[in-house]
Amino acid sequence: MSGHRPSLFQSDDDLDLGQFKPKSEHQTPPVPPETVERVSEDNGFPSRAPRSHAASRPASPTKRPLFAKSGRTVLLNARITQRAHARFHEIVEAERERYERGEIMHRVTLGEIVERALAALEREVGQGPNPK
């Protein structure tokens, strides 16, 4: 090579690529598969048989979703103290434990806890829920 870059505005006819030729044979001989297997197993990479995608899928097509639809679709974004945040999540965790023990029949979400806290506040101040 001449040691300089060709111009971008140079036509293809002016660019000499004759010095580049395809390789006729491999530069390094291929490694036998037995050697690859031995080295990989020696270094903690054992071979695994391929699994079909059908075998990895669950057998039951009626798998329940992780979270049930609650109808709560409006986002409430508010700044709260770290203590209030921790308390809300402690309540959610306590309700999850009650659900796992079978004391309640549904998973309680943070949205439900906020709604229950709002209802308790309304009862405390004597307003009750607003009629619509």
N, C-alpha and C. Protein backbone atom coordinates (compact mmCIF):
# COMPACT_ATOMS: atom_id res chain seq x y z
N MET A 1 0.84 -1.18 0.00
CA MET A 1 0.00 0.00 0.00
C MET A 1 0.88 1.23 0.00
N SER A 2 0.29 2.31 -0.43
CA SER A 2 1.08 3.52 -0.58
C SER A 2 1.18 4.33 0.70
N GLY A 3 0.39 4.02 1.73
CA GLY A 3 0.50 4.71 3.00
C GLY A 3 -0.37 5.93 3.12
N HIS A 4 -1.23 6.19 2.16
CA HIS A 4 -2.15 7.32 2.27
C HIS A 4 -3.56 6.86 1.93
N ARG A 5 -4.53 7.60 2.41
CA ARG A 5 -5.92 7.25 2.17
C ARG A 5 -6.35 7.76 0.80
N PRO A 6 -7.15 6.99 0.11
CA PRO A 6 -7.65 7.49 -1.18
C PRO A 6 -8.68 8.59 -0.94
N SER A 7 -8.82 9.46 -1.88
CA SER A 7 -9.78 10.55 -1.79
C SER A 7 -11.20 10.00 -1.91
N LEU A 8 -12.11 10.60 -1.19
CA LEU A 8 -13.51 10.20 -1.28
C LEU A 8 -14.10 10.60 -2.63
N PHE A 9 -13.51 11.59 -3.23
CA PHE A 9 -14.06 12.12 -4.47
C PHE A 9 -13.39 11.52 -5.69
N GLN A 10 -12.54 10.53 -5.48
CA GLN A 10 -11.83 9.87 -6.56
C GLN A 10 -12.77 8.84 -7.20
N SER A 11 -12.74 8.70 -8.48
CA SER A 11 -13.61 7.73 -9.14
C SER A 11 -13.08 6.32 -8.89
N ASP A 12 -13.94 5.32 -9.05
CA ASP A 12 -13.56 3.93 -8.83
C ASP A 12 -12.51 3.46 -9.83
N ASP A 13 -12.46 4.09 -11.00
CA ASP A 13 -11.50 3.68 -12.01
C ASP A 13 -10.07 4.04 -11.60
N ASP A 14 -9.91 5.10 -10.82
CA ASP A 14 -8.59 5.55 -10.42
C ASP A 14 -8.03 4.76 -9.23
N LEU A 15 -8.86 4.03 -8.53
CA LEU A 15 -8.44 3.31 -7.33
C LEU A 15 -7.94 1.92 -7.72
N ASP A 16 -6.67 1.62 -7.41
CA ASP A 16 -6.07 0.33 -7.77
C ASP A 16 -6.19 -0.63 -6.58
N LEU A 17 -7.01 -1.66 -6.72
CA LEU A 17 -7.18 -2.68 -5.68
C LEU A 17 -6.56 -4.00 -6.10
N GLY A 18 -5.67 -3.98 -7.05
CA GLY A 18 -5.05 -5.19 -7.57
C GLY A 18 -4.19 -5.92 -6.57
N GLN A 19 -3.71 -5.22 -5.55
CA GLN A 19 -2.85 -5.88 -4.57
C GLN A 19 -3.63 -6.79 -3.62
N PHE A 20 -4.96 -6.64 -3.59
CA PHE A 20 -5.77 -7.48 -2.72
C PHE A 20 -6.22 -8.71 -3.49
N LYS A 21 -5.91 -9.89 -2.96
CA LYS A 21 -6.28 -11.14 -3.60
C LYS A 21 -6.92 -12.06 -2.56
N PRO A 22 -7.89 -12.89 -2.95
CA PRO A 22 -8.50 -13.81 -1.99
C PRO A 22 -7.49 -14.86 -1.55
N LYS A 23 -7.67 -15.30 -0.32
CA LYS A 23 -6.78 -16.34 0.21
C LYS A 23 -7.17 -17.66 -0.43
N SER A 24 -6.17 -18.42 -0.79
CA SER A 24 -6.44 -19.69 -1.46
C SER A 24 -6.66 -20.83 -0.47
N GLU A 25 -6.06 -20.75 0.69
CA GLU A 25 -6.22 -21.81 1.69
C GLU A 25 -6.22 -21.19 3.09
N HIS A 26 -6.63 -21.98 4.07
CA HIS A 26 -6.68 -21.48 5.44
C HIS A 26 -5.27 -21.20 5.95
N GLN A 27 -5.14 -20.09 6.68
CA GLN A 27 -3.85 -19.74 7.26
C GLN A 27 -3.50 -20.68 8.42
N THR A 28 -4.52 -21.01 9.25
CA THR A 28 -4.31 -21.93 10.36
C THR A 28 -5.21 -23.14 10.16
N PRO A 29 -4.73 -24.32 10.46
CA PRO A 29 -5.58 -25.50 10.29
C PRO A 29 -6.73 -25.47 11.31
N PRO A 30 -7.91 -25.97 10.93
CA PRO A 30 -9.02 -25.99 11.87
C PRO A 30 -8.74 -26.92 13.05
N VAL A 31 -9.29 -26.56 14.20
CA VAL A 31 -9.10 -27.36 15.40
C VAL A 31 -10.10 -28.52 15.37
N PRO A 32 -9.64 -29.74 15.63
CA PRO A 32 -10.57 -30.88 15.62
C PRO A 32 -11.62 -30.73 16.72
N PRO A 33 -12.85 -31.20 16.46
CA PRO A 33 -13.92 -31.08 17.47
C PRO A 33 -13.59 -31.76 18.79
N GLU A 34 -12.81 -32.84 18.76
CA GLU A 34 -12.46 -33.53 19.99
C GLU A 34 -11.62 -32.63 20.90
N THR A 35 -10.72 -31.86 20.29
CA THR A 35 -9.89 -30.95 21.06
C THR A 35 -10.73 -29.85 21.70
N VAL A 36 -11.68 -29.33 20.93
CA VAL A 36 -12.57 -28.29 21.46
C VAL A 36 -13.36 -28.83 22.64
N GLU A 37 -13.92 -30.03 22.52
CA GLU A 37 -14.70 -30.63 23.61
C GLU A 37 -13.84 -30.84 24.86
N ARG A 38 -12.62 -31.38 24.66
CA ARG A 38 -11.74 -31.64 25.80
C ARG A 38 -11.35 -30.36 26.51
N VAL A 39 -10.97 -29.32 25.76
CA VAL A 39 -10.56 -28.05 26.37
C VAL A 39 -11.73 -27.38 27.07
N SER A 40 -12.92 -27.43 26.46
CA SER A 40 -14.07 -26.79 27.09
C SER A 40 -14.47 -27.50 28.38
N GLU A 41 -14.44 -28.81 28.40
CA GLU A 41 -14.79 -29.54 29.62
C GLU A 41 -13.73 -29.36 30.71
N ASP A 42 -12.46 -29.27 30.31
CA ASP A 42 -11.39 -29.04 31.29
C ASP A 42 -11.51 -27.67 31.95
N ASN A 43 -12.08 -26.71 31.25
CA ASN A 43 -12.21 -25.35 31.77
C ASN A 43 -13.59 -25.04 32.31
N GLY A 44 -14.42 -26.06 32.52
CA GLY A 44 -15.71 -25.85 33.17
C GLY A 44 -16.83 -25.44 32.23
N PHE A 45 -16.71 -25.73 30.94
CA PHE A 45 -17.77 -25.42 29.98
C PHE A 45 -18.25 -26.71 29.34
N PRO A 46 -18.99 -27.55 30.09
CA PRO A 46 -19.43 -28.82 29.52
C PRO A 46 -20.48 -28.60 28.43
N SER A 47 -20.50 -29.50 27.50
CA SER A 47 -21.46 -29.43 26.41
C SER A 47 -22.84 -29.85 26.91
N ARG A 48 -23.86 -29.21 26.36
CA ARG A 48 -25.23 -29.58 26.70
C ARG A 48 -25.97 -29.95 25.42
N ALA A 49 -26.85 -30.91 25.55
CA ALA A 49 -27.66 -31.28 24.39
C ALA A 49 -28.68 -30.18 24.14
N PRO A 50 -28.96 -29.86 22.89
CA PRO A 50 -29.93 -28.80 22.62
C PRO A 50 -31.33 -29.23 23.06
N ARG A 51 -32.08 -28.27 23.58
CA ARG A 51 -33.45 -28.54 23.99
C ARG A 51 -34.39 -27.92 22.99
N SER A 52 -35.50 -28.58 22.75
CA SER A 52 -36.49 -28.00 21.85
C SER A 52 -37.26 -26.93 22.58
N HIS A 53 -37.78 -25.97 21.85
CA HIS A 53 -38.55 -24.89 22.46
C HIS A 53 -39.86 -25.40 23.06
N ALA A 54 -40.41 -26.44 22.50
CA ALA A 54 -41.66 -26.99 23.02
C ALA A 54 -41.46 -27.57 24.42
N ALA A 55 -40.29 -28.14 24.68
CA ALA A 55 -40.04 -28.74 25.99
C ALA A 55 -39.85 -27.69 27.07
N SER A 56 -39.40 -26.49 26.70
CA SER A 56 -39.16 -25.47 27.70
C SER A 56 -40.41 -24.69 28.07
N ARG A 57 -41.45 -24.81 27.27
CA ARG A 57 -42.70 -24.11 27.58
C ARG A 57 -43.49 -24.86 28.63
N PRO A 58 -44.26 -24.15 29.46
CA PRO A 58 -45.09 -24.84 30.45
C PRO A 58 -46.18 -25.66 29.77
N ALA A 59 -46.54 -26.75 30.42
CA ALA A 59 -47.52 -27.66 29.83
C ALA A 59 -48.93 -27.11 29.90
N SER A 60 -49.25 -26.32 30.91
CA SER A 60 -50.62 -25.86 31.07
C SER A 60 -50.85 -24.56 30.29
N PRO A 61 -51.78 -24.58 29.33
CA PRO A 61 -52.06 -23.36 28.58
C PRO A 61 -52.91 -22.37 29.37
N THR A 62 -53.47 -22.80 30.49
CA THR A 62 -54.32 -21.92 31.30
C THR A 62 -53.54 -21.33 32.46
N LYS A 63 -52.34 -20.89 32.20
CA LYS A 63 -51.52 -20.31 33.25
C LYS A 63 -52.12 -18.98 33.69
N ARG A 64 -52.28 -18.82 34.99
CA ARG A 64 -52.84 -17.58 35.52
C ARG A 64 -51.82 -16.47 35.45
N PRO A 65 -52.26 -15.26 35.15
CA PRO A 65 -51.31 -14.15 35.13
C PRO A 65 -50.79 -13.88 36.53
N LEU A 66 -49.59 -13.33 36.60
CA LEU A 66 -48.97 -13.05 37.89
C LEU A 66 -49.78 -12.02 38.66
N PHE A 67 -50.27 -11.02 37.96
CA PHE A 67 -51.06 -9.97 38.60
C PHE A 67 -52.44 -9.94 37.96
N ALA A 68 -53.46 -9.99 38.79
CA ALA A 68 -54.82 -9.92 38.28
C ALA A 68 -55.14 -8.49 37.89
N LYS A 69 -56.04 -8.33 36.93
CA LYS A 69 -56.45 -6.99 36.52
C LYS A 69 -57.34 -6.42 37.62
N SER A 70 -57.01 -5.22 38.06
CA SER A 70 -57.72 -4.63 39.19
C SER A 70 -58.62 -3.48 38.79
N GLY A 71 -58.52 -3.02 37.54
CA GLY A 71 -59.30 -1.87 37.12
C GLY A 71 -58.64 -0.55 37.49
N ARG A 72 -57.51 -0.61 38.14
CA ARG A 72 -56.80 0.61 38.54
C ARG A 72 -55.86 0.99 37.40
N THR A 73 -56.24 2.02 36.67
CA THR A 73 -55.47 2.39 35.49
C THR A 73 -54.92 3.81 35.54
N VAL A 74 -55.27 4.58 36.56
CA VAL A 74 -54.83 5.96 36.66
C VAL A 74 -53.62 6.02 37.57
N LEU A 75 -52.57 6.69 37.10
CA LEU A 75 -51.34 6.80 37.87
C LEU A 75 -51.43 7.96 38.84
N LEU A 76 -51.04 7.73 40.09
CA LEU A 76 -50.97 8.77 41.10
C LEU A 76 -49.50 8.98 41.42
N ASN A 77 -49.01 10.17 41.14
CA ASN A 77 -47.61 10.46 41.38
C ASN A 77 -47.55 11.53 42.46
N ALA A 78 -46.96 11.19 43.58
CA ALA A 78 -46.90 12.13 44.70
C ALA A 78 -45.57 11.97 45.42
N ARG A 79 -45.08 13.07 45.97
CA ARG A 79 -43.87 13.03 46.78
C ARG A 79 -44.27 12.70 48.21
N ILE A 80 -43.66 11.65 48.75
CA ILE A 80 -43.94 11.27 50.14
C ILE A 80 -42.60 11.06 50.84
N THR A 81 -42.67 10.97 52.16
CA THR A 81 -41.43 10.75 52.91
C THR A 81 -41.00 9.29 52.76
N GLN A 82 -39.75 9.04 53.05
CA GLN A 82 -39.24 7.67 52.99
C GLN A 82 -39.97 6.80 54.00
N ARG A 83 -40.31 7.37 55.14
CA ARG A 83 -41.02 6.61 56.17
C ARG A 83 -42.41 6.19 55.69
N ALA A 84 -43.12 7.11 55.02
CA ALA A 84 -44.44 6.77 54.50
C ALA A 84 -44.33 5.71 53.40
N HIS A 85 -43.34 5.84 52.56
CA HIS A 85 -43.11 4.86 51.50
C HIS A 85 -42.86 3.48 52.10
N ALA A 86 -41.99 3.43 53.10
CA ALA A 86 -41.69 2.15 53.75
C ALA A 86 -42.93 1.58 54.41
N ARG A 87 -43.73 2.42 55.03
CA ARG A 87 -44.94 1.95 55.72
C ARG A 87 -45.95 1.38 54.73
N PHE A 88 -46.15 2.06 53.59
CA PHE A 88 -47.06 1.52 52.57
C PHE A 88 -46.61 0.13 52.14
N HIS A 89 -45.31 -0.02 51.89
CA HIS A 89 -44.82 -1.31 51.41
C HIS A 89 -44.80 -2.36 52.51
N GLU A 90 -44.66 -1.96 53.77
CA GLU A 90 -44.79 -2.93 54.87
C GLU A 90 -46.22 -3.46 54.93
N ILE A 91 -47.19 -2.58 54.71
CA ILE A 91 -48.59 -3.01 54.71
C ILE A 91 -48.86 -3.97 53.56
N VAL A 92 -48.34 -3.65 52.37
CA VAL A 92 -48.51 -4.54 51.22
C VAL A 92 -47.89 -5.90 51.51
N GLU A 93 -46.71 -5.91 52.12
CA GLU A 93 -46.04 -7.17 52.46
C GLU A 93 -46.84 -7.96 53.48
N ALA A 94 -47.39 -7.28 54.48
CA ALA A 94 -48.22 -7.97 55.48
C ALA A 94 -49.46 -8.58 54.84
N GLU A 95 -50.06 -7.85 53.90
CA GLU A 95 -51.25 -8.37 53.21
C GLU A 95 -50.86 -9.55 52.30
N ARG A 96 -49.66 -9.51 51.70
CA ARG A 96 -49.21 -10.63 50.88
C ARG A 96 -49.06 -11.88 51.74
N GLU A 97 -48.52 -11.70 52.95
CA GLU A 97 -48.37 -12.84 53.86
C GLU A 97 -49.74 -13.39 54.27
N ARG A 98 -50.70 -12.49 54.51
CA ARG A 98 -52.06 -12.95 54.83
C ARG A 98 -52.65 -13.73 53.66
N TYR A 99 -52.38 -13.28 52.43
CA TYR A 99 -52.87 -13.98 51.24
C TYR A 99 -52.25 -15.38 51.15
N GLU A 100 -50.94 -15.48 51.41
CA GLU A 100 -50.28 -16.78 51.33
C GLU A 100 -50.74 -17.73 52.42
N ARG A 101 -51.17 -17.21 53.57
CA ARG A 101 -51.70 -18.06 54.64
C ARG A 101 -53.15 -18.44 54.39
N GLY A 102 -53.78 -17.82 53.39
CA GLY A 102 -55.17 -18.13 53.07
C GLY A 102 -56.17 -17.31 53.84
N GLU A 103 -55.75 -16.27 54.55
CA GLU A 103 -56.67 -15.44 55.32
C GLU A 103 -57.48 -14.52 54.42
N ILE A 104 -56.93 -14.12 53.29
CA ILE A 104 -57.67 -13.31 52.32
C ILE A 104 -57.58 -14.00 50.98
N MET A 105 -58.50 -13.69 50.07
CA MET A 105 -58.62 -14.44 48.83
C MET A 105 -58.00 -13.76 47.61
N HIS A 106 -57.40 -12.61 47.77
CA HIS A 106 -56.79 -11.94 46.62
C HIS A 106 -55.49 -11.26 47.05
N ARG A 107 -54.63 -11.03 46.07
CA ARG A 107 -53.40 -10.30 46.33
C ARG A 107 -53.73 -8.82 46.44
N VAL A 108 -53.23 -8.20 47.46
CA VAL A 108 -53.48 -6.78 47.68
C VAL A 108 -52.36 -5.98 47.01
N THR A 109 -52.75 -4.96 46.26
CA THR A 109 -51.78 -4.13 45.57
C THR A 109 -51.59 -2.82 46.33
N LEU A 110 -50.56 -2.10 45.95
CA LEU A 110 -50.32 -0.80 46.55
C LEU A 110 -51.48 0.15 46.26
N GLY A 111 -52.06 0.04 45.07
CA GLY A 111 -53.21 0.88 44.72
C GLY A 111 -54.39 0.63 45.66
N GLU A 112 -54.63 -0.62 46.01
CA GLU A 112 -55.72 -0.92 46.93
C GLU A 112 -55.43 -0.36 48.32
N ILE A 113 -54.18 -0.43 48.76
CA ILE A 113 -53.81 0.13 50.07
C ILE A 113 -54.05 1.63 50.08
N VAL A 114 -53.69 2.32 49.00
CA VAL A 114 -53.92 3.77 48.93
C VAL A 114 -55.42 4.06 48.99
N GLU A 115 -56.24 3.28 48.26
CA GLU A 115 -57.69 3.48 48.29
C GLU A 115 -58.25 3.23 49.69
N ARG A 116 -57.76 2.19 50.37
CA ARG A 116 -58.23 1.91 51.73
C ARG A 116 -57.81 3.01 52.69
N ALA A 117 -56.60 3.56 52.51
CA ALA A 117 -56.15 4.67 53.36
C ALA A 117 -57.02 5.90 53.13
N LEU A 118 -57.39 6.16 51.88
CA LEU A 118 -58.26 7.29 51.57
C LEU A 118 -59.64 7.11 52.20
N ALA A 119 -60.17 5.90 52.14
CA ALA A 119 -61.47 5.62 52.76
C ALA A 119 -61.40 5.81 54.27
N ALA A 120 -60.30 5.38 54.89
CA ALA A 120 -60.15 5.56 56.34
C ALA A 120 -60.05 7.03 56.69
N LEU A 121 -59.36 7.80 55.88
CA LEU A 121 -59.26 9.23 56.12
C LEU A 121 -60.62 9.90 56.00
N GLU A 122 -61.39 9.50 55.00
CA GLU A 122 -62.74 10.06 54.84
C GLU A 122 -63.62 9.71 56.03
N ARG A 123 -63.52 8.50 56.54
CA ARG A 123 -64.30 8.11 57.73
C ARG A 123 -63.86 8.93 58.93
N GLU A 124 -62.56 9.14 59.07
CA GLU A 124 -62.03 9.87 60.22
C GLU A 124 -62.51 11.31 60.25
N VAL A 125 -62.54 11.96 59.12
CA VAL A 125 -62.98 13.36 59.10
C VAL A 125 -64.48 13.49 58.92
N GLY A 126 -65.19 12.35 58.78
CA GLY A 126 -66.64 12.36 58.75
C GLY A 126 -67.23 12.73 57.41
N GLN A 127 -66.49 12.66 56.33
CA GLN A 127 -67.02 13.03 55.04
C GLN A 127 -67.71 11.86 54.35
N GLY A 128 -67.15 10.70 54.45
CA GLY A 128 -67.64 9.57 53.68
C GLY A 128 -67.26 9.74 52.23
N PRO A 129 -67.48 8.73 51.41
CA PRO A 129 -67.11 8.82 49.99
C PRO A 129 -67.97 9.86 49.28
N ASN A 130 -67.38 10.53 48.32
CA ASN A 130 -68.09 11.54 47.55
C ASN A 130 -69.06 10.86 46.60
N PRO A 131 -70.38 11.27 46.59
CA PRO A 131 -71.34 10.67 45.65
C PRO A 131 -71.06 11.20 44.24
N LYS A 132 -71.32 10.36 43.26
CA LYS A 132 -71.07 10.78 41.86
C LYS A 132 -72.34 10.83 41.09
